Amino acid sequence: MQNPKIMTNRNGKLIFKDYANREVSISEEDYLDLMSAPERQAIRANLEDCFQDPSEMRWEIAEVEGEKYTVYKYFKLYKEGVFIIYVILDDLQNFNLNNFFWIGNDDLDQAEEYRQGMLIFSKIK
């Protein structure tokens, strides 16, 4: 697991940078809501690492809370499992952090189910 890094805070939004130097933001309120789950607190340190050095990235049109969105999925393979980030592209073409989670080696079949959509970046051979 990685050590957490400091993110930028701008106008009430936390800003991360991905491997292509794109800004990915989340409101402080939404971030605190995500971080209220103990399982996310344990894996939070991997967030920047996955953005900066993903093993794979995919995109698809997906339904989120009853609406269709363009969703980007970042995957980072570790020896202990897979870290996955969901980012939604809004109407203004802004990248917004929606979710992140960990799937351990015991459930790699489940991780494979998330690998849907068009592959746009991969280090996986």
N, C-alpha and C. Protein backbone atom coordinates (compact mmCIF):
# COMPACT_ATOMS: atom_id res chain seq x y z
N MET A 1 0.83 -1.18 0.00
CA MET A 1 0.00 0.00 0.00
C MET A 1 0.88 1.25 0.00
N GLN A 2 0.34 2.31 -0.57
CA GLN A 2 1.08 3.56 -0.72
C GLN A 2 0.78 4.50 0.44
N ASN A 3 1.63 5.51 0.61
CA ASN A 3 1.37 6.56 1.58
C ASN A 3 0.54 7.64 0.90
N PRO A 4 -0.45 8.23 1.60
CA PRO A 4 -1.26 9.27 0.96
C PRO A 4 -0.45 10.51 0.65
N LYS A 5 -0.83 11.20 -0.41
CA LYS A 5 -0.18 12.44 -0.79
C LYS A 5 -1.18 13.56 -0.62
N ILE A 6 -0.67 14.77 -0.59
CA ILE A 6 -1.55 15.92 -0.43
C ILE A 6 -2.16 16.27 -1.78
N MET A 7 -3.46 16.49 -1.79
CA MET A 7 -4.15 16.90 -2.99
C MET A 7 -4.39 18.40 -2.92
N THR A 8 -4.73 19.00 -4.04
CA THR A 8 -5.03 20.42 -4.10
C THR A 8 -6.48 20.65 -3.66
N ASN A 9 -6.73 21.75 -2.99
CA ASN A 9 -8.07 22.14 -2.60
C ASN A 9 -8.37 23.46 -3.29
N ARG A 10 -9.41 23.47 -4.13
CA ARG A 10 -9.77 24.68 -4.85
C ARG A 10 -11.28 24.87 -4.81
N ASN A 11 -11.71 25.97 -4.22
CA ASN A 11 -13.14 26.33 -4.17
C ASN A 11 -14.01 25.20 -3.63
N GLY A 12 -13.58 24.57 -2.56
CA GLY A 12 -14.38 23.52 -1.94
C GLY A 12 -14.31 22.18 -2.65
N LYS A 13 -13.40 22.06 -3.60
CA LYS A 13 -13.23 20.79 -4.31
C LYS A 13 -11.79 20.30 -4.12
N LEU A 14 -11.65 19.00 -3.95
CA LEU A 14 -10.33 18.39 -3.89
C LEU A 14 -9.97 18.00 -5.30
N ILE A 15 -8.74 18.30 -5.69
CA ILE A 15 -8.29 18.07 -7.07
C ILE A 15 -7.14 17.08 -7.06
N PHE A 16 -7.28 16.04 -7.88
CA PHE A 16 -6.23 15.06 -8.11
C PHE A 16 -5.79 15.20 -9.56
N LYS A 17 -4.61 14.75 -9.88
CA LYS A 17 -4.13 14.72 -11.27
C LYS A 17 -3.95 13.27 -11.68
N ASP A 18 -4.35 12.96 -12.92
CA ASP A 18 -4.15 11.59 -13.38
C ASP A 18 -2.88 11.50 -14.23
N TYR A 19 -2.63 10.33 -14.79
CA TYR A 19 -1.40 10.07 -15.54
C TYR A 19 -1.25 10.98 -16.76
N ALA A 20 -2.34 11.50 -17.30
CA ALA A 20 -2.30 12.40 -18.46
C ALA A 20 -2.41 13.86 -18.03
N ASN A 21 -2.20 14.12 -16.74
CA ASN A 21 -2.26 15.45 -16.14
C ASN A 21 -3.66 16.07 -16.19
N ARG A 22 -4.69 15.23 -16.32
CA ARG A 22 -6.07 15.71 -16.26
C ARG A 22 -6.44 15.91 -14.80
N GLU A 23 -7.24 16.94 -14.55
CA GLU A 23 -7.73 17.17 -13.20
C GLU A 23 -8.98 16.33 -12.96
N VAL A 24 -9.00 15.67 -11.81
CA VAL A 24 -10.15 14.89 -11.37
C VAL A 24 -10.55 15.50 -10.02
N SER A 25 -11.80 15.95 -9.92
CA SER A 25 -12.21 16.64 -8.70
C SER A 25 -13.34 15.91 -7.99
N ILE A 26 -13.49 16.27 -6.73
CA ILE A 26 -14.61 15.80 -5.91
C ILE A 26 -14.86 16.88 -4.88
N SER A 27 -16.13 17.15 -4.59
CA SER A 27 -16.43 18.14 -3.56
C SER A 27 -15.96 17.60 -2.21
N GLU A 28 -15.60 18.51 -1.32
CA GLU A 28 -15.17 18.09 0.00
C GLU A 28 -16.25 17.27 0.69
N GLU A 29 -17.50 17.67 0.53
CA GLU A 29 -18.62 16.96 1.15
C GLU A 29 -18.73 15.52 0.63
N ASP A 30 -18.63 15.36 -0.70
CA ASP A 30 -18.71 14.01 -1.27
C ASP A 30 -17.51 13.17 -0.86
N TYR A 31 -16.34 13.80 -0.79
CA TYR A 31 -15.13 13.08 -0.37
C TYR A 31 -15.28 12.58 1.08
N LEU A 32 -15.75 13.45 1.95
CA LEU A 32 -15.93 13.04 3.35
C LEU A 32 -16.98 11.94 3.46
N ASP A 33 -18.00 12.00 2.62
CA ASP A 33 -19.01 10.95 2.60
C ASP A 33 -18.39 9.62 2.19
N LEU A 34 -17.58 9.63 1.12
CA LEU A 34 -16.89 8.40 0.70
C LEU A 34 -15.97 7.89 1.80
N MET A 35 -15.25 8.80 2.43
CA MET A 35 -14.26 8.41 3.43
C MET A 35 -14.88 7.99 4.76
N SER A 36 -16.19 8.13 4.92
CA SER A 36 -16.82 7.69 6.16
C SER A 36 -16.85 6.17 6.28
N ALA A 37 -16.64 5.49 5.17
CA ALA A 37 -16.62 4.02 5.19
C ALA A 37 -15.24 3.54 5.62
N PRO A 38 -15.14 2.75 6.68
CA PRO A 38 -13.83 2.29 7.16
C PRO A 38 -13.03 1.53 6.11
N GLU A 39 -13.70 0.78 5.23
CA GLU A 39 -12.96 0.04 4.21
C GLU A 39 -12.27 0.99 3.22
N ARG A 40 -12.82 2.19 3.00
CA ARG A 40 -12.16 3.15 2.12
C ARG A 40 -11.00 3.83 2.84
N GLN A 41 -11.14 4.06 4.13
CA GLN A 41 -10.05 4.67 4.90
C GLN A 41 -8.80 3.80 4.81
N ALA A 42 -8.99 2.50 4.83
CA ALA A 42 -7.85 1.57 4.79
C ALA A 42 -7.13 1.57 3.44
N ILE A 43 -7.83 1.94 2.38
CA ILE A 43 -7.22 1.89 1.03
C ILE A 43 -6.97 3.27 0.44
N ARG A 44 -7.34 4.31 1.15
CA ARG A 44 -7.24 5.68 0.63
C ARG A 44 -5.86 6.02 0.10
N ALA A 45 -4.84 5.51 0.72
CA ALA A 45 -3.47 5.85 0.34
C ALA A 45 -3.14 5.45 -1.10
N ASN A 46 -3.92 4.58 -1.70
CA ASN A 46 -3.64 4.13 -3.06
C ASN A 46 -4.28 5.00 -4.14
N LEU A 47 -5.07 5.97 -3.75
CA LEU A 47 -5.82 6.77 -4.72
C LEU A 47 -4.90 7.50 -5.71
N GLU A 48 -3.96 8.28 -5.21
CA GLU A 48 -3.07 9.01 -6.12
C GLU A 48 -2.22 8.07 -6.95
N ASP A 49 -1.76 6.98 -6.36
CA ASP A 49 -0.95 6.02 -7.10
C ASP A 49 -1.72 5.46 -8.29
N CYS A 50 -2.97 5.13 -8.08
CA CYS A 50 -3.79 4.59 -9.18
C CYS A 50 -4.02 5.66 -10.25
N PHE A 51 -4.28 6.89 -9.85
CA PHE A 51 -4.44 7.97 -10.84
C PHE A 51 -3.15 8.20 -11.63
N GLN A 52 -2.03 8.24 -10.94
CA GLN A 52 -0.75 8.57 -11.58
C GLN A 52 -0.14 7.43 -12.38
N ASP A 53 -0.39 6.21 -11.97
CA ASP A 53 0.27 5.06 -12.61
C ASP A 53 -0.70 3.88 -12.73
N PRO A 54 -1.81 4.06 -13.47
CA PRO A 54 -2.76 2.96 -13.58
C PRO A 54 -2.19 1.81 -14.40
N SER A 55 -2.66 0.62 -14.12
CA SER A 55 -2.31 -0.54 -14.94
C SER A 55 -3.17 -0.56 -16.20
N GLU A 56 -4.38 -0.02 -16.05
CA GLU A 56 -5.33 -0.04 -17.16
C GLU A 56 -6.36 1.05 -16.93
N MET A 57 -6.91 1.56 -18.04
CA MET A 57 -8.00 2.53 -17.97
C MET A 57 -9.00 2.19 -19.06
N ARG A 58 -10.29 2.25 -18.70
CA ARG A 58 -11.38 1.96 -19.65
C ARG A 58 -12.44 3.04 -19.52
N TRP A 59 -13.28 3.14 -20.56
CA TRP A 59 -14.43 4.04 -20.46
C TRP A 59 -15.65 3.35 -21.06
N GLU A 60 -16.80 3.75 -20.55
CA GLU A 60 -18.05 3.23 -21.06
C GLU A 60 -19.17 4.20 -20.71
N ILE A 61 -20.29 4.05 -21.39
CA ILE A 61 -21.50 4.76 -21.02
C ILE A 61 -22.22 3.85 -20.03
N ALA A 62 -22.47 4.36 -18.83
CA ALA A 62 -23.08 3.54 -17.79
C ALA A 62 -24.19 4.32 -17.10
N GLU A 63 -25.12 3.59 -16.54
CA GLU A 63 -26.19 4.21 -15.78
C GLU A 63 -25.74 4.35 -14.34
N VAL A 64 -25.79 5.58 -13.84
CA VAL A 64 -25.43 5.87 -12.46
C VAL A 64 -26.60 6.62 -11.85
N GLU A 65 -27.20 6.03 -10.84
CA GLU A 65 -28.34 6.64 -10.15
C GLU A 65 -29.44 7.04 -11.13
N GLY A 66 -29.72 6.16 -12.11
CA GLY A 66 -30.82 6.36 -13.04
C GLY A 66 -30.52 7.24 -14.24
N GLU A 67 -29.30 7.76 -14.36
CA GLU A 67 -28.93 8.59 -15.51
C GLU A 67 -27.72 7.99 -16.19
N LYS A 68 -27.62 8.22 -17.50
CA LYS A 68 -26.48 7.71 -18.26
C LYS A 68 -25.35 8.73 -18.25
N TYR A 69 -24.15 8.21 -17.98
CA TYR A 69 -22.95 9.03 -17.91
C TYR A 69 -21.80 8.33 -18.63
N THR A 70 -20.83 9.14 -19.04
CA THR A 70 -19.56 8.59 -19.49
C THR A 70 -18.74 8.32 -18.23
N VAL A 71 -18.32 7.08 -18.05
CA VAL A 71 -17.59 6.67 -16.85
C VAL A 71 -16.20 6.20 -17.26
N TYR A 72 -15.19 6.75 -16.62
CA TYR A 72 -13.81 6.29 -16.79
C TYR A 72 -13.47 5.44 -15.58
N LYS A 73 -12.82 4.30 -15.84
CA LYS A 73 -12.44 3.38 -14.77
C LYS A 73 -10.92 3.19 -14.81
N TYR A 74 -10.28 3.52 -13.70
CA TYR A 74 -8.85 3.33 -13.54
C TYR A 74 -8.64 2.05 -12.73
N PHE A 75 -7.72 1.21 -13.18
CA PHE A 75 -7.39 -0.03 -12.49
C PHE A 75 -5.90 -0.03 -12.17
N LYS A 76 -5.57 -0.43 -10.97
CA LYS A 76 -4.16 -0.58 -10.58
C LYS A 76 -4.00 -1.95 -9.96
N LEU A 77 -3.14 -2.77 -10.55
CA LEU A 77 -2.86 -4.10 -10.03
C LEU A 77 -1.76 -4.04 -8.99
N TYR A 78 -2.00 -4.67 -7.87
CA TYR A 78 -1.02 -4.82 -6.81
C TYR A 78 -0.89 -6.31 -6.54
N LYS A 79 0.15 -6.71 -5.85
CA LYS A 79 0.30 -8.14 -5.57
C LYS A 79 -0.80 -8.65 -4.65
N GLU A 80 -1.45 -7.74 -3.87
CA GLU A 80 -2.52 -8.13 -2.95
C GLU A 80 -3.91 -8.07 -3.57
N GLY A 81 -4.05 -7.43 -4.76
CA GLY A 81 -5.36 -7.28 -5.37
C GLY A 81 -5.41 -6.16 -6.38
N VAL A 82 -6.61 -5.63 -6.61
CA VAL A 82 -6.84 -4.60 -7.62
C VAL A 82 -7.53 -3.40 -6.96
N PHE A 83 -7.02 -2.21 -7.26
CA PHE A 83 -7.62 -0.97 -6.81
C PHE A 83 -8.36 -0.38 -8.02
N ILE A 84 -9.61 0.04 -7.83
CA ILE A 84 -10.43 0.53 -8.93
C ILE A 84 -11.00 1.90 -8.56
N ILE A 85 -10.94 2.83 -9.51
CA ILE A 85 -11.51 4.17 -9.33
C ILE A 85 -12.54 4.39 -10.44
N TYR A 86 -13.68 4.95 -10.06
CA TYR A 86 -14.70 5.37 -11.02
C TYR A 86 -14.72 6.90 -11.08
N VAL A 87 -14.64 7.42 -12.29
CA VAL A 87 -14.69 8.86 -12.53
C VAL A 87 -15.79 9.12 -13.56
N ILE A 88 -16.64 10.09 -13.27
CA ILE A 88 -17.74 10.44 -14.18
C ILE A 88 -17.38 11.73 -14.91
N LEU A 89 -17.61 11.74 -16.21
CA LEU A 89 -17.42 12.93 -17.02
C LEU A 89 -18.73 13.69 -17.02
N ASP A 90 -18.71 14.95 -16.56
CA ASP A 90 -19.96 15.72 -16.49
C ASP A 90 -20.23 16.44 -17.81
N ASP A 91 -21.32 17.20 -17.86
CA ASP A 91 -21.74 17.89 -19.08
C ASP A 91 -20.71 18.91 -19.57
N LEU A 92 -19.89 19.43 -18.67
CA LEU A 92 -18.85 20.41 -19.02
C LEU A 92 -17.51 19.75 -19.29
N GLN A 93 -17.51 18.41 -19.41
CA GLN A 93 -16.31 17.62 -19.66
C GLN A 93 -15.31 17.63 -18.51
N ASN A 94 -15.81 17.83 -17.29
CA ASN A 94 -14.99 17.75 -16.09
C ASN A 94 -14.97 16.32 -15.59
N PHE A 95 -13.82 15.88 -15.11
CA PHE A 95 -13.68 14.56 -14.52
C PHE A 95 -14.01 14.67 -13.03
N ASN A 96 -14.99 13.87 -12.57
CA ASN A 96 -15.43 13.91 -11.18
C ASN A 96 -15.29 12.53 -10.54
N LEU A 97 -14.51 12.48 -9.47
CA LEU A 97 -14.34 11.24 -8.72
C LEU A 97 -15.68 10.81 -8.16
N ASN A 98 -16.07 9.56 -8.46
CA ASN A 98 -17.36 9.06 -8.01
C ASN A 98 -17.22 7.97 -6.95
N ASN A 99 -16.19 7.12 -7.09
CA ASN A 99 -16.06 5.99 -6.18
C ASN A 99 -14.66 5.40 -6.32
N PHE A 100 -14.21 4.71 -5.30
CA PHE A 100 -12.99 3.91 -5.38
C PHE A 100 -13.12 2.75 -4.40
N PHE A 101 -12.52 1.63 -4.78
CA PHE A 101 -12.63 0.44 -3.94
C PHE A 101 -11.52 -0.54 -4.26
N TRP A 102 -11.42 -1.52 -3.41
CA TRP A 102 -10.37 -2.55 -3.47
C TRP A 102 -11.03 -3.91 -3.65
N ILE A 103 -10.44 -4.73 -4.49
CA ILE A 103 -10.86 -6.13 -4.62
C ILE A 103 -9.62 -6.98 -4.41
N GLY A 104 -9.66 -7.81 -3.38
CA GLY A 104 -8.52 -8.65 -3.03
C GLY A 104 -8.35 -9.82 -3.98
N ASN A 105 -7.21 -10.45 -3.90
CA ASN A 105 -6.90 -11.59 -4.77
C ASN A 105 -7.92 -12.72 -4.67
N ASP A 106 -8.61 -12.82 -3.54
CA ASP A 106 -9.62 -13.87 -3.37
C ASP A 106 -10.81 -13.68 -4.31
N ASP A 107 -11.03 -12.44 -4.78
CA ASP A 107 -12.20 -12.11 -5.59
C ASP A 107 -11.83 -11.57 -6.97
N LEU A 108 -10.75 -12.05 -7.56
CA LEU A 108 -10.32 -11.51 -8.84
C LEU A 108 -11.34 -11.73 -9.95
N ASP A 109 -12.18 -12.75 -9.83
CA ASP A 109 -13.27 -12.92 -10.81
C ASP A 109 -14.21 -11.73 -10.76
N GLN A 110 -14.46 -11.22 -9.57
CA GLN A 110 -15.31 -10.04 -9.43
C GLN A 110 -14.64 -8.83 -10.06
N ALA A 111 -13.35 -8.67 -9.88
CA ALA A 111 -12.62 -7.56 -10.48
C ALA A 111 -12.72 -7.61 -12.00
N GLU A 112 -12.68 -8.80 -12.54
CA GLU A 112 -12.77 -8.96 -14.00
C GLU A 112 -14.11 -8.44 -14.53
N GLU A 113 -15.16 -8.54 -13.74
CA GLU A 113 -16.48 -8.06 -14.15
C GLU A 113 -16.49 -6.55 -14.36
N TYR A 114 -15.62 -5.81 -13.69
CA TYR A 114 -15.55 -4.36 -13.84
C TYR A 114 -14.78 -3.94 -15.09
N ARG A 115 -14.08 -4.85 -15.71
CA ARG A 115 -13.26 -4.53 -16.88
C ARG A 115 -14.11 -4.50 -18.15
N GLN A 116 -15.20 -3.77 -18.10
CA GLN A 116 -16.09 -3.59 -19.24
C GLN A 116 -15.80 -2.24 -19.88
N GLY A 117 -16.17 -2.09 -21.13
CA GLY A 117 -16.00 -0.82 -21.81
C GLY A 117 -14.77 -0.82 -22.68
N MET A 118 -14.55 0.29 -23.35
CA MET A 118 -13.44 0.42 -24.28
C MET A 118 -12.12 0.63 -23.55
N LEU A 119 -11.15 -0.16 -23.90
CA LEU A 119 -9.80 -0.02 -23.33
C LEU A 119 -9.14 1.20 -23.96
N ILE A 120 -8.68 2.13 -23.14
CA ILE A 120 -8.01 3.32 -23.69
C ILE A 120 -6.56 3.44 -23.23
N PHE A 121 -6.17 2.62 -22.26
CA PHE A 121 -4.79 2.63 -21.79
C PHE A 121 -4.54 1.31 -21.07
N SER A 122 -3.36 0.71 -21.32
CA SER A 122 -3.05 -0.52 -20.61
C SER A 122 -1.56 -0.76 -20.55
N LYS A 123 -1.10 -1.25 -19.40
CA LYS A 123 0.24 -1.76 -19.21
C LYS A 123 0.20 -3.27 -19.05
N ILE A 124 -1.00 -3.83 -19.09
CA ILE A 124 -1.19 -5.27 -18.89
C ILE A 124 -0.91 -5.99 -20.19
N LYS A 125 -0.09 -6.99 -20.11
CA LYS A 125 0.26 -7.74 -21.32
C LYS A 125 -0.55 -9.01 -21.41
